[in-house]
Every structure is written in structure tokens, then in C-alpha cells.
Amino acid sequence: MIRIKYPDKEAVCSKILDKSEIGFLDIIRLNTLIAGQPDRERSQENQKLKSYDKRTILQILDYQKKHRLNNTQLAGHFKLSRNTVTKWKKLFL
């Protein structure tokens, strides 16, 4: 799809696409690279429909540790609820 619709962005996306296994966070990055930043209204609507698997949740919590973020900062970065981050930490850590 990238080669057909967005050939100019193929070089930018190739680093992610060359991975042997593409995760949920990689798909979000690809979407941002291809479509750009969504407007606020559409972003809020899309956020309601997201679900995360255990592996992705652990990657997000690992990101928090690596970058020394509190729950509010992590929630803002990944556009999550603070309550969601707290719940994940209780369940998985």
C-alpha cells in the first residue's frame, strides 16, 4: 500500500517495515508518518476504539521506566487515561 499510494514516504517507513516483527506501537508510528498528525476531534474518536495486548502494555510501561515518566506524563504521551495506566501497573507490575 505504501509503495502504491505513498511512494515518497517509503524510505521513511522502511526502517519500521524491515523489522522481522511489527508491533502495535510500530503501526501507530507508521500511521503517523504516512497520514501526519490527526486533528484533535478525530484523534479523540479513534482513541476510544483502541485496545492493547499484554505485550504492548508491557512495552508502554517499560517506556515509562526508561524515560522516567510519571503516570500523567505517560498517559499524555500515549494519549491514554491516567486511570488506565494505574490499572495496568496494578495488573502487570
N, C-alpha and C. Protein backbone atom coordinates (compact mmCIF):
# COMPACT_ATOMS: atom_id res chain seq x y z
N MET A 1 0.82 -1.18 0.00
CA MET A 1 0.00 0.00 0.00
C MET A 1 0.87 1.26 0.00
N ILE A 2 1.95 1.23 0.77
CA ILE A 2 2.83 2.40 0.83
C ILE A 2 3.48 2.65 -0.52
N ARG A 3 3.91 1.58 -1.18
CA ARG A 3 4.55 1.75 -2.50
C ARG A 3 3.59 2.31 -3.53
N ILE A 4 2.33 1.95 -3.44
CA ILE A 4 1.35 2.39 -4.44
C ILE A 4 0.83 3.80 -4.13
N LYS A 5 0.38 4.02 -2.90
CA LYS A 5 -0.26 5.29 -2.57
C LYS A 5 0.71 6.38 -2.11
N TYR A 6 1.78 5.98 -1.42
CA TYR A 6 2.72 6.96 -0.85
C TYR A 6 4.16 6.59 -1.17
N PRO A 7 4.55 6.56 -2.44
CA PRO A 7 5.92 6.16 -2.77
C PRO A 7 6.98 7.11 -2.20
N ASP A 8 6.62 8.37 -1.99
CA ASP A 8 7.57 9.33 -1.44
C ASP A 8 7.89 9.07 0.04
N LYS A 9 7.03 8.33 0.73
CA LYS A 9 7.24 8.07 2.15
C LYS A 9 7.80 6.67 2.41
N GLU A 10 8.10 5.94 1.35
CA GLU A 10 8.59 4.57 1.50
C GLU A 10 9.94 4.54 2.23
N ALA A 11 10.81 5.47 1.91
CA ALA A 11 12.14 5.49 2.54
C ALA A 11 12.04 5.77 4.04
N VAL A 12 11.12 6.64 4.42
CA VAL A 12 10.94 6.97 5.83
C VAL A 12 10.40 5.78 6.60
N CYS A 13 9.51 5.03 5.98
CA CYS A 13 8.85 3.90 6.64
C CYS A 13 9.65 2.60 6.58
N SER A 14 10.67 2.55 5.76
CA SER A 14 11.39 1.30 5.53
C SER A 14 12.05 0.76 6.79
N LYS A 15 12.51 1.64 7.68
CA LYS A 15 13.16 1.18 8.91
C LYS A 15 12.20 0.35 9.75
N ILE A 16 10.96 0.79 9.85
CA ILE A 16 9.96 0.05 10.63
C ILE A 16 9.53 -1.20 9.89
N LEU A 17 9.36 -1.10 8.58
CA LEU A 17 8.87 -2.23 7.79
C LEU A 17 9.90 -3.34 7.65
N ASP A 18 11.18 -3.02 7.83
CA ASP A 18 12.23 -4.03 7.71
C ASP A 18 12.37 -4.92 8.96
N LYS A 19 11.66 -4.58 10.01
CA LYS A 19 11.71 -5.40 11.23
C LYS A 19 11.11 -6.77 10.95
N SER A 20 11.60 -7.76 11.65
CA SER A 20 11.07 -9.12 11.47
C SER A 20 9.68 -9.25 12.09
N GLU A 21 9.41 -8.46 13.14
CA GLU A 21 8.10 -8.49 13.78
C GLU A 21 7.65 -7.07 14.06
N ILE A 22 6.49 -6.71 13.56
CA ILE A 22 5.97 -5.36 13.72
C ILE A 22 4.92 -5.39 14.82
N GLY A 23 5.08 -4.52 15.82
CA GLY A 23 4.17 -4.47 16.95
C GLY A 23 3.14 -3.36 16.80
N PHE A 24 2.28 -3.27 17.78
CA PHE A 24 1.21 -2.28 17.79
C PHE A 24 1.76 -0.86 17.77
N LEU A 25 2.80 -0.60 18.55
CA LEU A 25 3.38 0.74 18.59
C LEU A 25 4.02 1.11 17.26
N ASP A 26 4.57 0.11 16.56
CA ASP A 26 5.14 0.36 15.24
C ASP A 26 4.05 0.77 14.25
N ILE A 27 2.89 0.17 14.36
CA ILE A 27 1.77 0.51 13.47
C ILE A 27 1.31 1.94 13.73
N ILE A 28 1.27 2.33 14.99
CA ILE A 28 0.90 3.71 15.31
C ILE A 28 1.91 4.69 14.72
N ARG A 29 3.20 4.37 14.84
CA ARG A 29 4.24 5.24 14.26
C ARG A 29 4.10 5.33 12.75
N LEU A 30 3.86 4.19 12.09
CA LEU A 30 3.67 4.19 10.64
C LEU A 30 2.49 5.06 10.24
N ASN A 31 1.40 4.92 10.95
CA ASN A 31 0.22 5.72 10.64
C ASN A 31 0.51 7.21 10.76
N THR A 32 1.25 7.59 11.79
CA THR A 32 1.61 9.00 11.97
C THR A 32 2.54 9.47 10.87
N LEU A 33 3.50 8.63 10.46
CA LEU A 33 4.42 9.01 9.39
C LEU A 33 3.69 9.19 8.06
N ILE A 34 2.74 8.33 7.79
CA ILE A 34 2.04 8.37 6.50
C ILE A 34 0.98 9.46 6.48
N ALA A 35 0.11 9.48 7.47
CA ALA A 35 -1.04 10.38 7.45
C ALA A 35 -0.78 11.71 8.15
N GLY A 36 0.29 11.80 8.91
CA GLY A 36 0.54 13.01 9.67
C GLY A 36 -0.23 12.98 10.97
N GLN A 37 -0.16 14.05 11.71
CA GLN A 37 -0.88 14.14 12.98
C GLN A 37 -2.36 14.35 12.72
N PRO A 38 -3.21 13.51 13.32
CA PRO A 38 -4.65 13.70 13.14
C PRO A 38 -5.15 14.91 13.92
N ASP A 39 -6.25 15.50 13.45
CA ASP A 39 -6.81 16.61 14.19
C ASP A 39 -7.36 16.12 15.53
N ARG A 40 -7.60 17.03 16.43
CA ARG A 40 -7.94 16.66 17.80
C ARG A 40 -9.24 15.84 17.89
N GLU A 41 -10.24 16.24 17.14
CA GLU A 41 -11.54 15.55 17.21
C GLU A 41 -11.43 14.11 16.73
N ARG A 42 -10.77 13.91 15.61
CA ARG A 42 -10.61 12.56 15.08
C ARG A 42 -9.72 11.72 15.99
N SER A 43 -8.71 12.34 16.57
CA SER A 43 -7.82 11.63 17.48
C SER A 43 -8.57 11.12 18.70
N GLN A 44 -9.43 11.95 19.26
CA GLN A 44 -10.22 11.53 20.42
C GLN A 44 -11.17 10.40 20.07
N GLU A 45 -11.78 10.46 18.91
CA GLU A 45 -12.70 9.42 18.48
C GLU A 45 -11.97 8.10 18.25
N ASN A 46 -10.79 8.15 17.63
CA ASN A 46 -10.01 6.94 17.39
C ASN A 46 -9.51 6.31 18.69
N GLN A 47 -9.20 7.14 19.67
CA GLN A 47 -8.67 6.64 20.94
C GLN A 47 -9.68 5.74 21.65
N LYS A 48 -10.95 6.02 21.49
CA LYS A 48 -11.99 5.23 22.15
C LYS A 48 -12.02 3.80 21.64
N LEU A 49 -11.52 3.58 20.44
CA LEU A 49 -11.63 2.28 19.80
C LEU A 49 -10.37 1.42 19.96
N LYS A 50 -9.34 1.92 20.62
CA LYS A 50 -8.09 1.19 20.74
C LYS A 50 -8.16 0.15 21.85
N SER A 51 -7.48 -0.95 21.60
CA SER A 51 -7.30 -1.95 22.65
C SER A 51 -5.84 -2.40 22.57
N TYR A 52 -5.30 -2.82 23.69
CA TYR A 52 -3.88 -3.16 23.76
C TYR A 52 -3.72 -4.59 24.25
N ASP A 53 -2.77 -5.29 23.66
CA ASP A 53 -2.46 -6.64 24.14
C ASP A 53 -1.41 -6.53 25.26
N LYS A 54 -1.18 -7.65 25.93
CA LYS A 54 -0.29 -7.65 27.09
C LYS A 54 1.12 -7.19 26.71
N ARG A 55 1.62 -7.64 25.57
CA ARG A 55 2.96 -7.28 25.13
C ARG A 55 3.09 -5.77 24.93
N THR A 56 2.09 -5.16 24.34
CA THR A 56 2.12 -3.71 24.10
C THR A 56 2.04 -2.95 25.42
N ILE A 57 1.21 -3.41 26.32
CA ILE A 57 1.10 -2.77 27.64
C ILE A 57 2.44 -2.80 28.35
N LEU A 58 3.11 -3.94 28.30
CA LEU A 58 4.41 -4.05 28.95
C LEU A 58 5.45 -3.15 28.28
N GLN A 59 5.36 -2.98 26.96
CA GLN A 59 6.26 -2.06 26.25
C GLN A 59 6.01 -0.62 26.70
N ILE A 60 4.75 -0.26 26.85
CA ILE A 60 4.41 1.09 27.30
C ILE A 60 4.92 1.33 28.72
N LEU A 61 4.73 0.36 29.60
CA LEU A 61 5.21 0.51 30.98
C LEU A 61 6.74 0.52 31.03
N ASP A 62 7.39 -0.22 30.14
CA ASP A 62 8.84 -0.20 30.05
C ASP A 62 9.32 1.18 29.56
N TYR A 63 8.59 1.75 28.61
CA TYR A 63 8.90 3.10 28.12
C TYR A 63 8.86 4.09 29.28
N GLN A 64 7.89 3.92 30.16
CA GLN A 64 7.77 4.81 31.33
C GLN A 64 9.01 4.71 32.21
N LYS A 65 9.49 3.50 32.44
CA LYS A 65 10.67 3.32 33.28
C LYS A 65 11.91 3.91 32.62
N LYS A 66 12.09 3.63 31.32
CA LYS A 66 13.29 4.11 30.61
C LYS A 66 13.37 5.63 30.60
N HIS A 67 12.23 6.28 30.42
CA HIS A 67 12.22 7.74 30.28
C HIS A 67 11.84 8.46 31.57
N ARG A 68 11.70 7.67 32.66
CA ARG A 68 11.40 8.21 33.99
C ARG A 68 10.20 9.16 33.96
N LEU A 69 9.09 8.65 33.46
CA LEU A 69 7.86 9.43 33.38
C LEU A 69 6.92 9.04 34.50
N ASN A 70 6.15 9.99 34.99
CA ASN A 70 5.10 9.63 35.93
C ASN A 70 3.86 9.21 35.13
N ASN A 71 2.82 8.77 35.81
CA ASN A 71 1.64 8.27 35.12
C ASN A 71 0.97 9.32 34.24
N THR A 72 0.94 10.55 34.71
CA THR A 72 0.33 11.63 33.94
C THR A 72 1.10 11.90 32.65
N GLN A 73 2.41 11.93 32.73
CA GLN A 73 3.24 12.17 31.55
C GLN A 73 3.12 11.03 30.55
N LEU A 74 3.11 9.80 31.05
CA LEU A 74 2.97 8.64 30.18
C LEU A 74 1.61 8.65 29.49
N ALA A 75 0.57 8.94 30.25
CA ALA A 75 -0.78 9.00 29.69
C ALA A 75 -0.87 10.07 28.60
N GLY A 76 -0.26 11.21 28.83
CA GLY A 76 -0.26 12.26 27.82
C GLY A 76 0.50 11.88 26.56
N HIS A 77 1.62 11.18 26.73
CA HIS A 77 2.44 10.79 25.60
C HIS A 77 1.72 9.80 24.69
N PHE A 78 1.07 8.80 25.30
CA PHE A 78 0.40 7.77 24.52
C PHE A 78 -1.10 8.02 24.37
N LYS A 79 -1.57 9.18 24.83
CA LYS A 79 -2.98 9.56 24.74
C LYS A 79 -3.87 8.53 25.41
N LEU A 80 -3.54 8.24 26.66
CA LEU A 80 -4.28 7.29 27.48
C LEU A 80 -4.87 8.02 28.68
N SER A 81 -5.70 7.34 29.40
CA SER A 81 -6.22 7.84 30.66
C SER A 81 -5.22 7.52 31.77
N ARG A 82 -5.10 8.42 32.74
CA ARG A 82 -4.23 8.14 33.89
C ARG A 82 -4.73 6.92 34.63
N ASN A 83 -6.04 6.76 34.69
CA ASN A 83 -6.61 5.61 35.37
C ASN A 83 -6.24 4.31 34.66
N THR A 84 -6.15 4.34 33.35
CA THR A 84 -5.75 3.16 32.58
C THR A 84 -4.32 2.77 32.93
N VAL A 85 -3.43 3.74 32.98
CA VAL A 85 -2.03 3.47 33.32
C VAL A 85 -1.94 2.88 34.72
N THR A 86 -2.67 3.44 35.67
CA THR A 86 -2.66 2.93 37.04
C THR A 86 -3.17 1.49 37.08
N LYS A 87 -4.24 1.23 36.37
CA LYS A 87 -4.81 -0.13 36.33
C LYS A 87 -3.81 -1.11 35.74
N TRP A 88 -3.13 -0.73 34.66
CA TRP A 88 -2.13 -1.59 34.03
C TRP A 88 -1.00 -1.89 35.01
N LYS A 89 -0.57 -0.88 35.75
CA LYS A 89 0.53 -1.09 36.70
C LYS A 89 0.11 -2.06 37.80
N LYS A 90 -1.13 -1.98 38.26
CA LYS A 90 -1.61 -2.92 39.28
C LYS A 90 -1.69 -4.33 38.73
N LEU A 91 -2.11 -4.47 37.48
CA LEU A 91 -2.28 -5.79 36.88
C LEU A 91 -0.95 -6.45 36.49
N PHE A 92 -0.02 -5.66 35.95
CA PHE A 92 1.17 -6.25 35.32
C PHE A 92 2.47 -6.04 36.07
N LEU A 93 2.51 -5.16 37.04
CA LEU A 93 3.77 -4.92 37.77
C LEU A 93 3.65 -5.32 39.22
